[in-house]
Amino acid sequence: MVGIVCRAALITWLLALGSISTAALAGRGMRGGLVAFDSDRDKNSEVLLLDVLTGLDLNVSRHRAFDYAPAWSADGRLVFASNREGNYEIYALDLMSGQLENLTHHPANDYLPAWSAGGRLAFVSDRDGGAEIYVLDPEDGAAINVSNHPAGDSSPAWSADGRLAFVSNRSGSLDIYVLDPATGDLTNLTPHPAADFAPAWSADGRLAFVSDRSRNHEVYVLDGKIGEAKNITGHPAADEMPAWLPDGRLSFVSDRDGAAGIYVLDMNTGSVRRVATGSFQRLAWR
């Protein structure tokens, strides 16, 4: 029933946009106009899609459970975490068919999914007692603990070349580490006493993250060549939840104009534009 409702709602939404074709929806994504996000604006956390070109949005999770942390899979499905079966699992939703698949199937809590371009699913789980980063083997479905540390590890994010960034407090403060799954090499990218978190990779290898090193939450971008982190938002308001658009622009959530919304920064010109108003949490562009 949930699948039928989701499909019917999606078709209605696409009709409002003037098309019901998958190609048209994908085309909007290539222009960076489609963003998935989670919000509790309806008094319950749900996953929604927003077309920033028209302002139309659609609740695609539609469940009384807590649904959050959307991400796009390599094959175009929308993945998110939900406790609709009693514990948190990672689900994948096919937007056109409405088919919903539980990808993790474990009595522990699995959440904060991140999907690599090569089709590997990373997520956070407490199945070994504390928060660890796991990667799901696409061949046999086995979940492998890749962070394997008693400290709290969270917020996995894949780079285009297959490296895995995550947040850990193993150094005594929140820092962003990057793991090379092929070699096992682990590097602390942000060795700073301030809290650094919410990593997001661009297609060309730049790492955006949030830090309170300026005494409020700002978005920084790490230059991979020289290792320098630059504050790119520089505003007294809290700027959070960085996410890269397909065209290389960088979005973030802020209330700098007095109300929460999504802002998009052109990295070439430095111009910042508000593209949506409302309550937004984790962003995932397509």
Protein backbone atom coordinates (compact mmCIF):
# COMPACT_ATOMS: atom_id res chain seq x y z
CA MET A 1 0.00 0.00 0.00
CA VAL A 2 2.84 2.41 0.84
CA GLY A 3 4.39 1.75 -2.58
CA ILE A 4 1.11 2.46 -4.37
CA VAL A 5 0.62 5.69 -2.44
CA CYS A 6 4.20 6.82 -3.14
CA ARG A 7 3.89 6.04 -6.83
CA ALA A 8 0.54 7.81 -7.15
CA ALA A 9 1.88 10.84 -5.33
CA LEU A 10 5.01 10.91 -7.50
CA ILE A 11 2.97 10.72 -10.71
CA THR A 12 0.74 13.55 -9.49
CA TRP A 13 3.81 15.59 -8.65
CA LEU A 14 5.44 14.94 -12.02
CA LEU A 15 2.21 15.84 -13.78
CA ALA A 16 2.34 19.17 -11.98
CA LEU A 17 5.84 19.62 -13.38
CA GLY A 18 4.54 18.86 -16.87
CA SER A 19 6.03 15.38 -17.38
CA ILE A 20 5.74 11.84 -16.07
CA SER A 21 8.87 10.42 -17.71
CA THR A 22 11.83 9.08 -15.79
CA ALA A 23 14.08 10.84 -18.29
CA ALA A 24 12.55 14.20 -17.46
CA LEU A 25 13.08 13.63 -13.75
CA ALA A 26 16.69 12.60 -14.39
CA GLY A 27 17.14 15.70 -16.54
CA ARG A 28 16.10 17.92 -13.67
CA GLY A 29 18.62 16.12 -11.51
CA MET A 30 21.43 16.77 -13.99
CA ARG A 31 20.67 20.49 -13.75
CA GLY A 32 20.97 20.28 -9.99
CA GLY A 33 17.31 21.18 -9.43
CA LEU A 34 16.20 18.14 -7.42
CA VAL A 35 17.14 17.72 -3.78
CA ALA A 36 16.15 15.10 -1.22
CA PHE A 37 16.03 16.13 2.41
CA ASP A 38 14.55 15.16 5.74
CA SER A 39 12.31 17.41 7.78
CA ASP A 40 10.07 17.27 10.83
CA ARG A 41 7.81 20.06 9.61
CA ASP A 42 4.83 17.69 9.73
CA LYS A 43 5.61 16.83 13.40
CA ASN A 44 7.29 13.62 12.26
CA SER A 45 10.59 13.15 10.45
CA GLU A 46 9.96 12.32 6.79
CA VAL A 47 12.03 12.20 3.60
CA LEU A 48 10.96 14.66 0.91
CA LEU A 49 11.94 15.68 -2.60
CA LEU A 50 12.05 19.33 -3.61
CA ASP A 51 12.23 20.76 -7.12
CA VAL A 52 13.93 24.09 -6.45
CA LEU A 53 13.01 25.36 -9.92
CA THR A 54 9.29 25.28 -9.11
CA GLY A 55 9.20 25.09 -5.31
CA LEU A 56 7.08 21.91 -5.48
CA ASP A 57 7.92 19.23 -2.95
CA LEU A 58 6.74 15.70 -2.23
CA ASN A 59 6.81 13.52 0.89
CA VAL A 60 8.15 10.20 -0.46
CA SER A 61 8.55 8.24 2.80
CA ARG A 62 4.98 8.78 4.07
CA HIS A 63 5.13 6.75 7.26
CA ARG A 64 4.46 7.37 10.93
CA ALA A 65 7.96 6.05 11.70
CA PHE A 66 11.05 8.27 11.94
CA ASP A 67 12.49 8.47 8.40
CA TYR A 68 15.64 10.49 7.84
CA ALA A 69 19.13 10.88 6.28
CA PRO A 70 18.40 10.50 2.54
CA ALA A 71 21.10 9.65 0.02
CA TRP A 72 21.05 8.62 -3.64
CA SER A 73 22.16 5.15 -4.65
CA ALA A 74 24.39 4.51 -7.64
CA ASP A 75 21.38 3.20 -9.59
CA GLY A 76 19.16 6.20 -8.82
CA ARG A 77 17.15 4.90 -5.90
CA LEU A 78 16.61 7.01 -2.79
CA VAL A 79 18.02 5.44 0.36
CA PHE A 80 17.25 6.52 3.92
CA ALA A 81 17.13 5.26 7.50
CA SER A 82 13.86 4.33 9.19
CA ASN A 83 12.68 2.63 12.37
CA ARG A 84 9.44 1.41 10.80
CA GLU A 85 10.25 -2.20 11.76
CA GLY A 86 11.15 -1.35 15.36
CA ASN A 87 14.86 -0.63 14.91
CA TYR A 88 16.69 1.57 12.43
CA GLU A 89 17.41 -0.04 9.07
CA ILE A 90 18.56 1.29 5.70
CA TYR A 91 15.86 1.25 3.02
CA ALA A 92 16.03 1.88 -0.72
CA LEU A 93 13.02 3.37 -2.50
CA ASP A 94 12.48 3.08 -6.25
CA LEU A 95 10.66 6.33 -6.96
CA MET A 96 8.92 5.16 -10.12
CA SER A 97 7.66 1.78 -8.92
CA GLY A 98 7.24 2.65 -5.25
CA GLN A 99 9.12 -0.53 -4.31
CA LEU A 100 10.79 -0.27 -0.90
CA GLU A 101 13.64 -2.63 0.02
CA ASN A 102 15.25 -3.18 3.42
CA LEU A 103 18.99 -3.34 2.65
CA THR A 104 20.46 -4.13 6.07
CA HIS A 105 18.15 -6.60 7.91
CA HIS A 106 19.79 -6.60 11.33
CA PRO A 107 18.41 -6.27 14.89
CA ALA A 108 20.92 -3.48 15.63
CA ASN A 109 20.42 0.11 14.54
CA ASP A 110 21.75 0.98 11.06
CA TYR A 111 21.59 4.60 9.91
CA LEU A 112 23.27 7.48 8.00
CA PRO A 113 23.70 5.73 4.62
CA ALA A 114 26.21 6.82 1.97
CA TRP A 115 26.44 5.19 -1.45
CA SER A 116 29.63 5.19 -3.54
CA ALA A 117 29.72 5.72 -7.29
CA GLY A 118 30.90 2.12 -7.55
CA GLY A 119 27.81 0.78 -5.77
CA ARG A 120 29.08 0.24 -2.22
CA LEU A 121 26.82 1.18 0.68
CA ALA A 122 28.41 2.61 3.83
CA PHE A 123 26.42 3.26 6.97
CA VAL A 124 26.70 3.64 10.73
CA SER A 125 25.69 0.77 13.00
CA ASP A 126 25.79 -0.15 16.67
CA ARG A 127 25.81 -3.88 15.94
CA ASP A 128 29.22 -4.25 17.65
CA GLY A 129 28.18 -2.19 20.67
CA GLY A 130 29.21 1.35 19.67
CA ALA A 131 28.80 3.52 16.59
CA GLU A 132 31.02 2.14 13.80
CA ILE A 133 31.21 2.54 10.03
CA TYR A 134 30.22 -0.50 8.00
CA VAL A 135 30.38 -1.20 4.29
CA LEU A 136 27.96 -3.62 2.66
CA ASP A 137 29.58 -6.09 0.27
CA PRO A 138 27.49 -5.92 -2.94
CA GLU A 139 28.35 -9.53 -3.79
CA ASP A 140 27.25 -11.42 -0.69
CA GLY A 141 25.46 -8.70 1.32
CA ALA A 142 27.85 -9.04 4.27
CA ALA A 143 28.42 -5.90 6.36
CA ILE A 144 32.08 -5.26 7.18
CA ASN A 145 33.17 -3.02 10.06
CA VAL A 146 35.75 -0.71 8.44
CA SER A 147 36.32 1.81 11.24
CA ASN A 148 36.72 -0.74 14.06
CA HIS A 149 37.45 1.60 16.95
CA PRO A 150 35.83 2.06 20.39
CA ALA A 151 35.44 5.79 19.76
CA GLY A 152 32.23 7.03 18.18
CA ASP A 153 32.45 7.00 14.36
CA SER A 154 29.76 8.56 12.20
CA SER A 155 28.77 10.43 9.01
CA PRO A 156 30.37 8.34 6.23
CA ALA A 157 30.91 10.09 2.89
CA TRP A 158 32.41 8.58 -0.28
CA SER A 159 34.81 10.43 -2.56
CA ALA A 160 34.60 9.95 -6.32
CA ASP A 161 37.81 7.88 -6.24
CA GLY A 162 36.48 5.47 -3.62
CA ARG A 163 37.90 6.86 -0.38
CA LEU A 164 35.65 6.95 2.66
CA ALA A 165 35.54 9.96 4.97
CA PHE A 166 33.90 9.80 8.38
CA VAL A 167 33.76 11.66 11.68
CA SER A 168 35.41 10.30 14.82
CA ASN A 169 36.35 11.56 18.27
CA ARG A 170 39.23 9.09 18.61
CA SER A 171 41.72 11.97 18.91
CA GLY A 172 39.79 13.62 21.74
CA SER A 173 37.79 16.00 19.54
CA LEU A 174 35.59 15.51 16.50
CA ASP A 175 37.79 15.23 13.42
CA ILE A 176 37.28 14.01 9.88
CA TYR A 177 39.23 10.93 8.88
CA VAL A 178 39.60 9.39 5.46
CA LEU A 179 40.03 5.66 4.89
CA ASP A 180 41.44 4.09 1.75
CA PRO A 181 39.55 0.76 1.67
CA ALA A 182 42.07 -0.72 -0.76
CA THR A 183 45.08 -0.21 1.53
CA GLY A 184 43.53 0.32 4.94
CA ASP A 185 45.40 3.62 5.30
CA LEU A 186 43.65 6.05 7.66
CA THR A 187 44.40 9.79 7.77
CA ASN A 188 43.11 12.54 10.02
CA LEU A 189 42.26 15.34 7.57
CA THR A 190 41.28 17.94 10.17
CA PRO A 191 43.61 17.70 13.19
CA HIS A 192 42.15 20.70 14.99
CA PRO A 193 40.94 21.10 18.61
CA ALA A 194 37.60 22.41 17.37
CA ALA A 195 34.76 20.10 16.33
CA ASP A 196 34.82 19.25 12.60
CA PHE A 197 31.93 17.20 11.21
CA ALA A 198 29.39 16.67 8.37
CA PRO A 199 31.86 15.82 5.55
CA ALA A 200 30.76 16.07 1.92
CA TRP A 201 32.93 15.33 -1.14
CA SER A 202 32.72 17.17 -4.44
CA ALA A 203 33.12 15.30 -7.73
CA ASP A 204 36.61 16.78 -8.15
CA GLY A 205 37.82 15.75 -4.69
CA ARG A 206 37.21 18.81 -2.52
CA LEU A 207 35.96 18.10 0.99
CA ALA A 208 33.40 20.40 2.59
CA PHE A 209 32.62 20.14 6.28
CA VAL A 210 31.20 22.08 9.23
CA SER A 211 33.39 23.39 12.03
CA ASP A 212 32.97 25.54 15.12
CA ARG A 213 36.58 26.74 14.97
CA SER A 214 35.27 30.27 14.28
CA ARG A 215 33.08 30.06 17.42
CA ASN A 216 29.95 29.33 15.42
CA HIS A 217 29.09 26.74 12.80
CA GLU A 218 30.62 27.60 9.44
CA VAL A 219 31.20 25.60 6.27
CA TYR A 220 34.83 24.98 5.36
CA VAL A 221 36.37 23.48 2.25
CA LEU A 222 39.61 21.56 2.46
CA ASP A 223 42.09 22.03 -0.38
CA GLY A 224 43.36 18.51 -0.99
CA LYS A 225 46.62 19.69 -2.54
CA ILE A 226 47.85 21.89 0.29
CA GLY A 227 45.71 20.61 3.15
CA GLU A 228 44.37 24.05 4.05
CA ALA A 229 40.81 24.44 5.33
CA LYS A 230 39.12 27.66 4.22
CA ASN A 231 36.01 29.17 5.82
CA ILE A 232 33.77 29.79 2.82
CA THR A 233 30.56 30.94 4.51
CA GLY A 234 31.93 33.50 6.98
CA HIS A 235 28.67 34.62 8.55
CA PRO A 236 27.55 35.13 12.17
CA ALA A 237 24.57 32.82 11.58
CA ALA A 238 24.96 29.06 11.82
CA ASP A 239 25.75 27.50 8.42
CA GLU A 240 25.39 23.72 8.31
CA MET A 241 24.63 20.60 6.28
CA PRO A 242 26.94 21.13 3.27
CA ALA A 243 26.09 19.18 0.10
CA TRP A 244 27.53 19.50 -3.40
CA LEU A 245 25.35 19.96 -6.46
CA PRO A 246 26.19 17.95 -9.60
CA ASP A 247 27.52 21.11 -11.29
CA GLY A 248 30.09 21.84 -8.57
CA ARG A 249 28.18 24.45 -6.57
CA LEU A 250 27.90 23.95 -2.83
CA SER A 251 24.69 24.15 -0.82
CA PHE A 252 24.20 24.54 2.90
CA VAL A 253 21.41 25.20 5.38
CA SER A 254 21.30 28.51 7.25
CA ASP A 255 18.94 30.93 8.97
CA ARG A 256 21.06 33.97 8.06
CA ASP A 257 18.03 35.82 6.67
CA GLY A 258 15.92 35.22 9.75
CA ALA A 259 14.33 31.96 8.59
CA ALA A 260 15.80 28.56 7.78
CA GLY A 261 16.48 27.75 4.16
CA ILE A 262 18.82 26.25 1.58
CA TYR A 263 21.56 28.46 0.17
CA VAL A 264 23.74 27.72 -2.85
CA LEU A 265 27.27 29.06 -3.16
CA ASP A 266 28.97 29.44 -6.52
CA MET A 267 32.56 28.51 -5.75
CA ASN A 268 33.86 30.40 -8.79
CA THR A 269 32.20 33.75 -8.14
CA GLY A 270 31.55 33.59 -4.40
CA SER A 271 27.89 34.54 -4.89
CA VAL A 272 25.39 33.05 -2.43
CA ARG A 273 21.73 32.60 -3.34
CA ARG A 274 18.80 31.37 -1.29
CA VAL A 275 16.97 28.71 -3.29
CA ALA A 276 14.42 27.41 -0.79
CA THR A 277 12.80 28.42 2.49
CA GLY A 278 11.74 25.99 5.19
CA SER A 279 12.97 23.35 7.59
CA PHE A 280 15.70 21.28 5.98
CA GLN A 281 18.15 18.80 7.42
CA ARG A 282 20.41 16.43 5.49
CA LEU A 283 20.55 17.34 1.77
CA ALA A 284 21.19 15.05 -1.19
CA TRP A 285 21.20 16.55 -4.71
CA ARG A 286 20.56 14.86 -8.02
